[in-house]
Protein backbone atom coordinates (compact mmCIF):
# COMPACT_ATOMS: atom_id res chain seq x y z
CA MET A 1 -23.30 -4.96 6.50
CA ARG A 2 -24.11 -2.13 8.89
CA ARG A 3 -21.56 0.66 8.72
CA THR A 4 -19.77 1.76 11.85
CA LYS A 5 -19.97 5.33 13.04
CA GLU A 6 -16.34 5.83 12.02
CA GLU A 7 -17.00 4.53 8.49
CA ALA A 8 -20.03 6.79 8.12
CA GLU A 9 -18.02 9.78 9.28
CA GLN A 10 -15.25 8.94 6.81
CA THR A 11 -17.79 8.70 4.00
CA LYS A 12 -19.12 12.15 4.91
CA LYS A 13 -15.59 13.55 4.87
CA ASP A 14 -14.93 11.96 1.47
CA ILE A 15 -18.09 13.53 0.07
CA LEU A 16 -17.15 16.97 1.38
CA ARG A 17 -13.59 16.65 0.11
CA SER A 18 -14.79 15.67 -3.34
CA ALA A 19 -17.26 18.56 -3.36
CA ILE A 20 -14.45 21.00 -2.52
CA TYR A 21 -12.48 19.95 -5.60
CA LEU A 22 -15.50 19.94 -7.90
CA PHE A 23 -17.08 23.19 -6.67
CA SER A 24 -13.76 25.03 -6.85
CA SER A 25 -13.08 23.93 -10.42
CA LYS A 26 -16.59 23.88 -11.94
CA GLY A 27 -18.64 26.02 -9.60
CA VAL A 28 -21.54 24.85 -7.47
CA ALA A 29 -24.24 25.25 -10.13
CA LYS A 30 -22.40 23.13 -12.70
CA THR A 31 -21.59 20.29 -10.32
CA SER A 32 -24.04 17.41 -9.94
CA ILE A 33 -24.66 15.01 -7.08
CA ASP A 34 -23.66 12.17 -9.43
CA GLU A 35 -20.27 13.79 -10.00
CA ILE A 36 -19.73 14.25 -6.28
CA ALA A 37 -20.67 10.64 -5.58
CA LYS A 38 -18.37 9.33 -8.32
CA ALA A 39 -15.44 11.45 -7.14
CA ALA A 40 -15.99 10.28 -3.56
CA GLY A 41 -16.28 6.64 -4.61
CA VAL A 42 -19.75 6.25 -3.13
CA THR A 43 -23.32 5.84 -4.38
CA ARG A 44 -25.87 8.62 -4.82
CA GLY A 45 -27.73 7.04 -1.92
CA ALA A 46 -24.71 7.48 0.32
CA VAL A 47 -24.56 11.17 -0.54
CA TYR A 48 -28.25 11.62 0.19
CA TRP A 49 -27.85 9.74 3.45
CA HIS A 50 -25.63 12.54 4.72
CA PHE A 51 -27.00 15.54 2.81
CA LYS A 52 -30.47 16.46 1.58
CA ASN A 53 -29.13 18.10 -1.56
CA LYS A 54 -26.14 19.81 -3.16
CA THR A 55 -26.76 23.13 -1.45
CA GLU A 56 -26.61 21.47 1.95
CA ILE A 57 -23.14 20.23 1.02
CA PHE A 58 -22.24 23.79 0.04
CA ASP A 59 -23.46 25.06 3.40
CA ALA A 60 -21.53 22.36 5.27
CA LEU A 61 -18.33 23.42 3.50
CA PHE A 62 -18.86 27.01 4.62
CA ASP A 63 -19.46 25.88 8.19
CA GLY A 64 -16.28 23.80 8.13
CA LEU A 65 -14.18 26.68 6.86
CA HIS A 66 -15.72 29.19 9.24
CA LYS A 67 -15.84 27.00 12.35
CA SER A 68 -12.14 26.17 12.37
CA PHE A 69 -11.23 29.83 12.04
CA ILE A 70 -13.57 31.00 14.80
CA GLU A 71 -12.45 28.25 17.18
CA THR A 72 -8.83 29.25 16.66
CA ILE A 73 -9.62 32.89 17.48
CA TRP A 74 -11.65 32.16 20.62
CA ASP A 75 -9.15 29.59 21.89
CA GLU A 76 -6.47 32.27 21.70
CA PHE A 77 -8.69 34.91 23.29
CA ASP A 78 -9.40 32.63 26.25
CA LYS A 79 -5.67 32.56 27.03
CA ASN A 80 -6.05 36.15 28.27
CA ASP A 81 -2.71 37.20 26.80
CA PRO A 82 -1.40 40.49 28.29
CA ASN A 83 -0.61 41.76 24.78
CA PRO A 84 -3.81 41.18 22.77
CA LEU A 85 -2.62 43.19 19.75
CA GLU A 86 0.52 41.08 19.33
CA GLN A 87 -1.62 38.00 19.91
CA LEU A 88 -4.10 39.02 17.21
CA LYS A 89 -1.28 39.84 14.80
CA ASN A 90 0.16 36.35 15.33
CA ILE A 91 -3.26 34.73 14.82
CA CYS A 92 -3.79 36.55 11.53
CA THR A 93 -0.27 35.73 10.39
CA ASP A 94 -0.56 32.04 11.22
CA VAL A 95 -3.96 31.70 9.54
CA LEU A 96 -2.64 33.17 6.30
CA LEU A 97 0.66 31.26 6.33
CA LYS A 98 -1.18 27.96 6.68
CA LEU A 99 -2.64 28.53 3.21
CA LYS A 100 0.78 27.56 1.85
CA THR A 101 0.21 23.94 2.87
CA ASP A 102 -3.56 23.50 3.21
CA GLU A 103 -4.81 22.92 -0.32
CA GLU A 104 -8.37 22.11 0.69
CA LYS A 105 -8.69 25.36 2.62
CA VAL A 106 -7.41 27.27 -0.40
CA LEU A 107 -9.96 25.55 -2.62
CA SER A 108 -12.72 26.31 -0.11
CA LEU A 109 -11.76 29.98 -0.21
CA ILE A 110 -11.89 29.87 -4.01
CA ILE A 111 -15.45 28.55 -3.77
CA PHE A 112 -16.70 31.25 -1.42
CA LEU A 113 -14.66 34.21 -2.63
CA GLN A 114 -14.46 33.59 -6.37
CA LYS A 115 -16.96 30.95 -7.49
CA CYS A 116 -20.07 31.93 -5.56
CA ASP A 117 -22.31 34.92 -6.21
CA TYR A 118 -25.13 33.65 -3.97
CA SER A 119 -27.63 33.65 -6.79
CA GLY A 120 -30.27 31.08 -7.70
CA GLU A 121 -30.43 28.15 -5.31
CA LEU A 122 -27.61 29.58 -3.20
CA GLU A 123 -29.37 32.87 -2.46
CA VAL A 124 -31.02 31.47 0.67
CA PHE A 125 -27.60 31.11 2.28
CA ARG A 126 -26.50 34.72 1.79
CA GLN A 127 -27.84 36.12 5.08
CA ARG A 128 -26.86 33.05 7.06
CA HIS A 129 -23.29 33.26 5.84
CA ILE A 130 -23.16 37.01 6.47
CA ALA A 131 -24.24 36.31 10.07
CA LYS A 132 -21.49 33.71 10.38
CA LYS A 133 -18.92 36.20 9.11
CA LYS A 134 -20.09 38.61 11.81
CA GLU A 135 -18.90 36.08 14.37
CA LYS A 136 -15.38 36.60 13.02
CA PHE A 137 -15.85 40.37 13.24
CA ASP A 138 -17.02 40.09 16.84
CA ALA A 139 -14.06 37.87 17.76
CA PHE A 140 -11.51 40.28 16.27
CA HIS A 141 -13.33 43.15 17.96
CA LYS A 142 -12.80 41.59 21.40
CA PHE A 143 -9.01 41.74 20.97
CA PHE A 144 -9.08 45.45 20.16
CA LEU A 145 -11.43 46.13 23.07
CA ARG A 146 -9.15 44.24 25.43
CA ALA A 147 -6.16 46.23 24.20
CA LYS A 148 -8.11 49.45 24.76
CA ASP A 149 -9.10 48.38 28.28
CA LEU A 150 -5.44 47.63 29.05
CA GLY A 151 -4.40 51.09 27.90
CA GLN A 152 -2.56 49.76 24.85
CA LEU A 153 -4.80 51.82 22.58
CA PRO A 154 -5.99 55.43 23.08
CA LYS A 155 -9.29 55.84 24.90
CA ASP A 156 -10.92 57.35 21.81
CA THR A 157 -9.92 54.40 19.55
CA ASP A 158 -12.67 53.25 17.19
CA CYS A 159 -12.43 49.50 17.69
CA ASP A 160 -15.14 48.89 15.09
CA LEU A 161 -13.01 50.66 12.49
CA LEU A 162 -9.87 48.71 13.43
CA THR A 163 -11.81 45.46 13.24
CA ARG A 164 -13.22 46.34 9.84
CA GLY A 165 -9.75 47.34 8.73
CA ILE A 166 -8.02 44.07 9.64
CA SER A 167 -10.85 42.05 8.08
CA ILE A 168 -10.52 43.95 4.79
CA TYR A 169 -6.72 43.77 4.97
CA MET A 170 -6.70 39.98 5.38
CA LYS A 171 -9.32 39.46 2.69
CA GLY A 172 -7.24 41.58 0.32
CA ILE A 173 -4.17 39.41 0.92
CA VAL A 174 -6.20 36.25 0.39
CA LEU A 175 -7.74 37.52 -2.85
CA GLU A 176 -4.34 38.61 -4.16
CA PHE A 177 -3.01 35.13 -3.44
CA LEU A 178 -6.01 33.39 -5.01
CA ASP A 179 -5.80 35.54 -8.14
CA GLU A 180 -2.15 34.73 -8.72
CA ARG A 181 -1.69 31.46 -6.79
CA ASP A 182 1.79 32.68 -6.00
CA THR A 183 2.96 31.58 -2.56
CA SER A 184 5.57 34.35 -2.54
CA ILE A 185 2.66 36.63 -1.64
CA LEU A 186 2.14 34.58 1.50
CA ASP A 187 5.86 34.77 2.28
CA LYS A 188 5.34 38.50 2.79
CA VAL A 189 2.50 38.02 5.30
CA PRO A 190 4.63 38.58 8.43
CA GLN A 191 5.88 41.90 7.03
CA LEU A 192 2.39 42.88 5.91
CA MET A 193 0.96 42.15 9.36
CA ASN A 194 3.76 44.12 11.01
CA LEU A 195 2.91 46.99 8.69
CA TYR A 196 -0.74 46.98 9.79
CA PHE A 197 -0.13 46.60 13.51
CA LYS A 198 2.91 48.89 13.84
CA ASN A 199 0.61 51.91 14.05
CA PHE A 200 -0.74 50.62 17.37
CA LYS A 201 2.60 50.69 19.19
C-alpha cells in the first residue's frame, strides 16, 4: 500500500525522535541504523528512504534544534517592540524555561553540547554547524543594535561584545543544567536574566 504524505512525515519524525534518545544515551558513533530503525518501529529501508546515512540524521537533528530557536528570535524581532532589550531578555528567559518540559530538546542539547566532539565522520559538519550558530549571534546582535539606535544603550556600546556575552551566559546556564539535571537551576533563570540585563538600564 502506498503511504500517504502524512504517514511518511510521521515515519520521519519517529526516526528522528528515536535517534534523539539513542544518540543522547550512547553517542552518535556507537548508535547503528539498525538500532534507530528498531526503536522507531520501522525497517532499515524506511530509514534509508528518508536519510542517506546516520550522519544525515545527526545533521537533521541539529537543523531542527537550531531552526526552531532562530524562528522564535526573528518572529519576535519582526514585532518591532519599542523595548528590544526587555524583549530579548524575555526571549532568552522563555527559551531556557521551556527546557523544564521539553525532554526531546534537552536530549538534543546533550547530543550537541556533551556527546559530540565533531571528530571522525562528524567532522564534516563542524563548519556548517558553526555557520548556523552564527545565525543566532546575528539575530541577538540585531536586538542590541536596535536598542542602541533607540538611545537605550550608549553610543559607544560594543554590540558584538554584548551579543557574545549573552550567548556565553545562556550556554553556561544550559551546561550547568545538563551537568546536574536539576530543574531548580532553571527556576533561577528569570533572576539570572535580570542580573545580566540590569546593567543596561
